[in-house]
Amino acid sequence: MKSFFSPHELAILVLLISAPTQVSLNNPDLLALQQDNLVEIVAADNTVLPRVTEDGVMVLRRLGMTA
């Protein structure tokens, strides 16, 4: 896991917690987070959505951005 995240990457992580359908699967920040294993792409109800992994949730908790 990298030491620093761009503001855009952090915004994507926070957005995925509350509104995963609002993030494009082609978003370069999403792809970077996926490479760092902070986000995964999952199939649900005939659609494909990004989801924050446990590691991603841990990053947000350390930053005080989620419960």
Protein backbone atom coordinates (compact mmCIF):
# COMPACT_ATOMS: atom_id res chain seq x y z
CA MET A 1 0.00 0.00 0.00
CA LYS A 2 1.33 3.41 -0.86
CA SER A 3 2.01 6.06 1.75
CA PHE A 4 0.13 8.94 0.15
CA PHE A 5 -3.13 9.20 -1.73
CA SER A 6 -4.25 11.99 -3.98
CA PRO A 7 -7.25 14.05 -2.87
CA HIS A 8 -9.13 12.50 -5.79
CA GLU A 9 -8.38 8.96 -4.63
CA LEU A 10 -9.57 9.77 -1.11
CA ALA A 11 -12.71 11.36 -2.52
CA ILE A 12 -13.41 8.21 -4.53
CA LEU A 13 -13.02 6.03 -1.41
CA VAL A 14 -15.46 8.20 0.55
CA LEU A 15 -17.92 8.34 -2.35
CA LEU A 16 -17.85 4.56 -2.71
CA ILE A 17 -19.02 4.15 0.87
CA SER A 18 -22.21 6.13 0.29
CA ALA A 19 -22.84 6.13 -3.48
CA PRO A 20 -20.93 3.44 -5.39
CA THR A 21 -23.10 3.87 -8.49
CA GLN A 22 -21.79 7.43 -8.88
CA VAL A 23 -18.24 6.27 -9.66
CA SER A 24 -17.35 5.33 -13.21
CA LEU A 25 -15.53 2.03 -13.60
CA ASN A 26 -13.20 3.83 -16.02
CA ASN A 27 -12.14 6.45 -13.47
CA PRO A 28 -8.31 6.45 -13.29
CA ASP A 29 -8.38 7.08 -9.54
CA LEU A 30 -10.63 4.05 -9.07
CA LEU A 31 -8.21 1.96 -11.11
CA ALA A 32 -5.29 3.15 -8.97
CA LEU A 33 -7.19 2.24 -5.80
CA GLN A 34 -7.99 -1.16 -7.27
CA GLN A 35 -4.29 -1.77 -7.95
CA ASP A 36 -3.60 -0.95 -4.29
CA ASN A 37 -6.31 -3.46 -3.23
CA LEU A 38 -8.39 -0.73 -1.58
CA VAL A 39 -11.26 -1.21 -4.03
CA GLU A 40 -12.64 -4.26 -5.78
CA ILE A 41 -15.12 -4.65 -8.61
CA VAL A 42 -18.04 -6.96 -7.81
CA ALA A 43 -21.05 -8.25 -9.70
CA ALA A 44 -24.42 -7.74 -8.01
CA ASP A 45 -27.95 -7.99 -9.42
CA ASN A 46 -26.90 -7.97 -13.10
CA THR A 47 -24.65 -4.97 -12.62
CA VAL A 48 -20.98 -4.43 -11.83
CA LEU A 49 -20.08 -2.05 -9.03
CA PRO A 50 -16.91 -0.93 -7.26
CA ARG A 51 -16.71 -1.68 -3.54
CA VAL A 52 -14.27 -0.60 -0.83
CA THR A 53 -12.26 -3.54 0.52
CA GLU A 54 -11.42 -4.10 4.19
CA ASP A 55 -8.05 -2.44 3.55
CA GLY A 56 -9.83 0.56 2.05
CA VAL A 57 -12.12 0.81 5.06
CA MET A 58 -9.07 0.62 7.33
CA VAL A 59 -7.46 3.56 5.50
CA LEU A 60 -10.64 5.62 5.89
CA ARG A 61 -10.86 4.74 9.59
CA ARG A 62 -7.27 5.79 10.19
CA LEU A 63 -8.09 9.12 8.58
CA GLY A 64 -11.24 9.47 10.69
CA MET A 65 -13.47 9.42 7.61
CA THR A 66 -15.72 6.51 8.55
CA ALA A 67 -16.97 4.73 11.65
